[in-house]
C-alpha atoms as a PDB file:
ATOM      1  CA  MET A   1      16.284 -56.514  -4.002  1.00  0.00           C
ATOM      2  CA  LEU A   2      15.803 -55.965  -0.288  1.00  0.00           C
ATOM      3  CA  PHE A   3      16.596 -52.244  -0.190  1.00  0.00           C
ATOM      4  CA  PRO A   4      15.957 -49.684  -2.951  1.00  0.00           C
ATOM      5  CA  ARG A   5      19.160 -48.380  -4.695  1.00  0.00           C
ATOM      6  CA  PHE A   6      19.984 -44.756  -3.876  1.00  0.00           C
ATOM      7  CA  ARG A   7      22.370 -42.379  -5.670  1.00  0.00           C
ATOM      8  CA  SER A   8      25.874 -41.773  -4.162  1.00  0.00           C
ATOM      9  CA  LYS A   9      26.379 -38.917  -1.514  1.00  0.00           C
ATOM     10  CA  GLU A  10      28.712 -37.149  -4.100  1.00  0.00           C
ATOM     11  CA  ARG A  11      26.050 -37.174  -6.829  1.00  0.00           C
ATOM     12  CA  ASP A  12      23.293 -35.903  -4.394  1.00  0.00           C
ATOM     13  CA  VAL A  13      25.612 -33.053  -3.205  1.00  0.00           C
ATOM     14  CA  ARG A  14      26.645 -32.275  -6.771  1.00  0.00           C
ATOM     15  CA  SER A  15      23.055 -32.000  -7.758  1.00  0.00           C
ATOM     16  CA  ASP A  16      22.227 -29.925  -4.805  1.00  0.00           C
ATOM     17  CA  VAL A  17      25.110 -27.489  -5.468  1.00  0.00           C
ATOM     18  CA  GLU A  18      24.307 -27.251  -9.124  1.00  0.00           C
ATOM     19  CA  ARG A  19      20.687 -26.103  -8.062  1.00  0.00           C
ATOM     20  CA  LEU A  20      21.938 -23.637  -5.562  1.00  0.00           C
ATOM     21  CA  THR A  21      24.415 -22.157  -8.101  1.00  0.00           C
ATOM     22  CA  LEU A  22      21.589 -21.628 -10.596  1.00  0.00           C
ATOM     23  CA  VAL A  23      19.709 -19.611  -7.858  1.00  0.00           C
ATOM     24  CA  GLN A  24      22.880 -17.983  -6.758  1.00  0.00           C
ATOM     25  CA  ASN A  25      23.547 -16.835 -10.311  1.00  0.00           C
ATOM     26  CA  SER A  26      20.142 -15.442 -10.741  1.00  0.00           C
ATOM     27  CA  ILE A  27      20.499 -13.507  -7.440  1.00  0.00           C
ATOM     28  CA  ALA A  28      23.837 -12.082  -8.641  1.00  0.00           C
ATOM     29  CA  LYS A  29      22.254 -10.804 -11.849  1.00  0.00           C
ATOM     30  CA  VAL A  30      19.324  -9.269 -10.027  1.00  0.00           C
ATOM     31  CA  ILE A  31      21.677  -7.553  -7.474  1.00  0.00           C
ATOM     32  CA  GLY A  32      23.511  -6.090 -10.393  1.00  0.00           C
ATOM     33  CA  GLU A  33      20.397  -4.717 -12.027  1.00  0.00           C
ATOM     34  CA  VAL A  34      19.348  -3.318  -8.587  1.00  0.00           C
ATOM     35  CA  GLU A  35      22.670  -1.514  -8.236  1.00  0.00           C
ATOM     36  CA  GLN A  36      22.375  -0.185 -11.556  1.00  0.00           C
ATOM     37  CA  GLU A  37      18.907   1.204 -10.792  1.00  0.00           C
ATOM     38  CA  LEU A  38      20.088   2.752  -7.670  1.00  0.00           C
ATOM     39  CA  ALA A  39      23.262   4.346  -9.454  1.00  0.00           C
ATOM     40  CA  GLY A  40      20.931   5.900 -12.053  1.00  0.00           C
ATOM     41  CA  LEU A  41      18.201   6.987  -9.705  1.00  0.00           C
ATOM     42  CA  THR A  42      20.871   8.539  -7.412  1.00  0.00           C
ATOM     43  CA  ALA A  43      22.472  10.462 -10.253  1.00  0.00           C
ATOM     44  CA  ARG A  44      19.077  11.762 -11.595  1.00  0.00           C
ATOM     45  CA  ILE A  45      18.159  12.832  -7.984  1.00  0.00           C
ATOM     46  CA  GLU A  46      21.358  14.688  -7.382  1.00  0.00           C
ATOM     47  CA  ASP A  47      20.846  16.606 -10.598  1.00  0.00           C
ATOM     48  CA  ALA A  48      17.190  17.385  -9.641  1.00  0.00           C
ATOM     49  CA  ARG A  49      18.323  18.732  -6.451  1.00  0.00           C
ATOM     50  CA  ALA A  50      20.811  21.018  -7.985  1.00  0.00           C
ATOM     51  CA  ARG A  51      18.364  22.316 -10.482  1.00  0.00           C
ATOM     52  CA  ALA A  52      15.978  22.921  -7.833  1.00  0.00           C
ATOM     53  CA  ALA A  53      18.439  24.748  -5.738  1.00  0.00           C
ATOM     54  CA  PHE A  54      19.419  26.855  -8.594  1.00  0.00           C
ATOM     55  CA  LEU A  55      15.755  27.805  -9.136  1.00  0.00           C
ATOM     56  CA  TYR A  56      15.293  28.396  -5.464  1.00  0.00           C
ATOM     57  CA  GLY A  57      18.212  30.744  -5.482  1.00  0.00           C
ATOM     58  CA  ASP A  58      16.745  32.705  -8.416  1.00  0.00           C
ATOM     59  CA  MET A  59      13.456  32.983  -6.664  1.00  0.00           C
ATOM     60  CA  ILE A  60      15.161  34.235  -3.346  1.00  0.00           C
ATOM     61  CA  GLU A  61      17.349  36.741  -5.436  1.00  0.00           C
ATOM     62  CA  GLY A  62      14.348  38.000  -7.377  1.00  0.00           C
ATOM     63  CA  GLU A  63      15.747  36.991 -10.614  1.00  0.00           C
ATOM     64  CA  SER A  64      12.493  35.186 -11.721  1.00  0.00           C
ATOM     65  CA  ASP A  65       9.990  36.884 -13.893  1.00  0.00           C
ATOM     66  CA  ASP A  66       7.072  34.569 -12.729  1.00  0.00           C
ATOM     67  CA  ASN A  67       7.308  33.555  -9.087  1.00  0.00           C
ATOM     68  CA  ALA A  68       4.115  31.721  -9.130  1.00  0.00           C
ATOM     69  CA  ARG A  69       5.147  29.545 -11.898  1.00  0.00           C
ATOM     70  CA  ASP A  70       8.536  28.994 -10.267  1.00  0.00           C
ATOM     71  CA  ALA A  71       6.872  28.200  -6.942  1.00  0.00           C
ATOM     72  CA  ALA A  72       4.613  25.664  -8.607  1.00  0.00           C
ATOM     73  CA  ILE A  73       7.747  24.192 -10.337  1.00  0.00           C
ATOM     74  CA  LEU A  74       9.593  24.092  -6.985  1.00  0.00           C
ATOM     75  CA  ALA A  75       6.537  22.356  -5.166  1.00  0.00           C
ATOM     76  CA  ASP A  76       6.534  19.584  -7.979  1.00  0.00           C
ATOM     77  CA  ALA A  77      10.299  19.101  -7.745  1.00  0.00           C
ATOM     78  CA  GLU A  78       9.891  18.599  -4.027  1.00  0.00           C
ATOM     79  CA  ARG A  79       7.292  16.002  -4.502  1.00  0.00           C
ATOM     80  CA  ILE A  80       9.332  14.195  -7.125  1.00  0.00           C
ATOM     81  CA  LEU A  81      12.467  14.327  -4.856  1.00  0.00           C
ATOM     82  CA  VAL A  82      10.485  13.026  -1.915  1.00  0.00           C
ATOM     83  CA  ARG A  83       9.234  10.230  -4.081  1.00  0.00           C
ATOM     84  CA  GLY A  84      12.771   9.522  -5.316  1.00  0.00           C
ATOM     85  CA  ASP A  85      14.093   9.444  -1.937  1.00  0.00           C
ATOM     86  CA  ARG A  86      11.571   6.834  -0.778  1.00  0.00           C
ATOM     87  CA  ARG A  87      12.255   4.732  -3.859  1.00  0.00           C
ATOM     88  CA  ILE A  88      16.081   4.889  -2.766  1.00  0.00           C
ATOM     89  CA  GLU A  89      15.196   3.638   0.524  1.00  0.00           C
ATOM     90  CA  GLU A  90      13.121   0.816  -0.981  1.00  0.00           C
ATOM     91  CA  ILE A  91      15.999  -0.157  -3.341  1.00  0.00           C
ATOM     92  CA  HIS A  92      18.421  -0.209  -0.296  1.00  0.00           C
ATOM     93  CA  HIS A  93      16.075  -2.552   1.537  1.00  0.00           C
ATOM     94  CA  ASN A  94      15.688  -4.795  -1.459  1.00  0.00           C
ATOM     95  CA  LEU A  95      19.464  -4.828  -2.011  1.00  0.00           C
ATOM     96  CA  SER A  96      20.205  -5.624   1.668  1.00  0.00           C
ATOM     97  CA  PHE A  97      17.603  -8.641   1.428  1.00  0.00           C
ATOM     98  CA  LEU A  98      19.138  -9.894  -1.898  1.00  0.00           C
ATOM     99  CA  ILE A  99      22.598  -9.694  -0.426  1.00  0.00           C
ATOM    100  CA  ASP A 100      21.759 -11.435   2.725  1.00  0.00           C
ATOM    101  CA  LEU A 101      20.191 -14.265   0.451  1.00  0.00           C
ATOM    102  CA  ARG A 102      23.135 -14.468  -1.637  1.00  0.00           C
ATOM    103  CA  HIS A 103      25.305 -14.900   1.644  1.00  0.00           C
ATOM    104  CA  ARG A 104      22.752 -17.568   2.916  1.00  0.00           C
ATOM    105  CA  MET A 105      23.054 -19.505  -0.576  1.00  0.00           C
ATOM    106  CA  THR A 106      26.804 -19.307  -0.289  1.00  0.00           C
ATOM    107  CA  ALA A 107      26.822 -20.647   3.308  1.00  0.00           C
ATOM    108  CA  GLU A 108      24.658 -23.400   2.185  1.00  0.00           C
ATOM    109  CA  THR A 109      26.769 -24.360  -0.685  1.00  0.00           C
ATOM    110  CA  GLU A 110      29.752 -24.396   1.502  1.00  0.00           C
ATOM    111  CA  ARG A 111      27.976 -26.620   4.055  1.00  0.00           C
ATOM    112  CA  LEU A 112      27.181 -29.014   1.309  1.00  0.00           C
ATOM    113  CA  GLN A 113      30.663 -29.146   0.048  1.00  0.00           C
ATOM    114  CA  ALA A 114      32.143 -29.730   3.487  1.00  0.00           C
ATOM    115  CA  TYR A 115      29.504 -32.560   3.952  1.00  0.00           C
ATOM    116  CA  ALA A 116      30.633 -34.151   0.552  1.00  0.00           C
ATOM    117  CA  ALA A 117      34.315 -33.957   1.896  1.00  0.00           C
ATOM    118  CA  GLU A 118      33.400 -35.934   4.889  1.00  0.00           C
ATOM    119  CA  GLY A 119      32.952 -39.074   2.920  1.00  0.00           C
ATOM    120  CA  GLU A 120      30.263 -41.676   3.363  1.00  0.00           C
END
């Protein structure tokens, strides 16, 4: 045999697309998980902000019996809310990266399919 035998173009492309599809499915799953985390964290932060606003309102209007304790709770709430906001920013960054990756994988799959359609 003068030249080694190679697989057909269609088989090569099919293998490549199958590999990319596995990665795309994993990315889609992770995007769903990240979106769920974002939704849950956002809801918890909104709830915490509402609670902190009520506590602050009670402090301002003098309805609290222990201002020092309430001030400490409010300071702790502020620290937690700031950390939550930072986490939301990080989640948005991760989500943007994953969505971009998904788009790139889709574009590569489409490129391979167009290549296969060209024939030999």
